[in-house]
Structures are given as structure tokens and as C-alpha cells.
Amino acid sequence: MATRKTRTTRNKMMKVVRGRKPVARQGTGNRLRRTWATTVEAITAAESDMEKQVKSLLKRNKISTKDASAMFKDLSAIVGRERKKALREFESRLSAIQTRALKQRKVVGRAVDEAMQSALASFNIPTRKEVHELTRKVDELSRKIDRFKR
């Protein structure tokens, strides 16, 4: 389904999907949380499906409840290990993304600072630091002039 952005000046955080009302865009963290929740739901659904299939096998093949119980325990252990493994992988990838985002934020911040400095220089507008330095020098000169008047 194609998306298009509209009203960027009015509300940059809105997007319009054809045939739907505008929806607020999701942040990366929210999207990852939603994806993780969906993944957990899918795994839980798969686990319940497996349980149903094992129960139907029990009825058809007349397996003892002891064997079925052992199968369920094994299945639960496997699913638990896979969940833990997926969570560790998810956390490591998330931390890598966070680290990269932090580095990129610093790079972008430096680029914006440099662009601002060059814009101020091209318009010949003094920076706050330069104004502060000039004010300090004017105060110093005023004190020297006051000493000469006495």
C-alpha cells in the first residue's frame, strides 16, 4: 500500500495512507516494542497450535499421558530457550542501533554547528562568544579610562 506525506508544515508527525485517516508516526522504540510483542504473540500461538496437534496425536495414536507430559515439557523448554535466544539477539541489535544513533546524532550536531557558524560568518553576525568577549574588552577599557580621569 503506497504512502504519501502531506501537510509537512502543519504537522510533521502525521502521515496519510490512502483510504485512511492521518495517523501519528511511530518512533523506532515503539515500532520495535510492537514488533517484539507481535513476535511473542506469534510464538505463543505456535506453541498453542503445537499443543493442539500433540493432543490430537494423543487421541489418534493413543499415547500415554506420561509421554505426552514429557513431550510438552520438552516443547516448553525448547520454546523457552528460543525466546531467550531471540531476546538476547534483539537486545544486542537494539543496543547496536542505539549506539549508532548516538554517534550519528553527534555527527549531525557537529554538522549543524559548522553550518550555523559558516552562516553567521557569511552574514557577518557575531557569535555569542564574540559578543561576550567584546563586552568584556569594552568593560576593561572603560575601567582604564575611568582611572585616567581621576
Foldseek 3Di string as FASTA:
>chain_A
DDWDAPPCVPPVQWTDDPPDDIDGDDDPVVVLVVVLVVVVVVLVVVLVVVLVVLVVCCVVVVDDVVVSVVVNVVSVVVSVVVNVVVVVVSVVVVVVVVVVVVVVVVVVVVVVVVVVVVVCVVVVHDDPVVVVVVVVVVVVVVVVVVVVVD
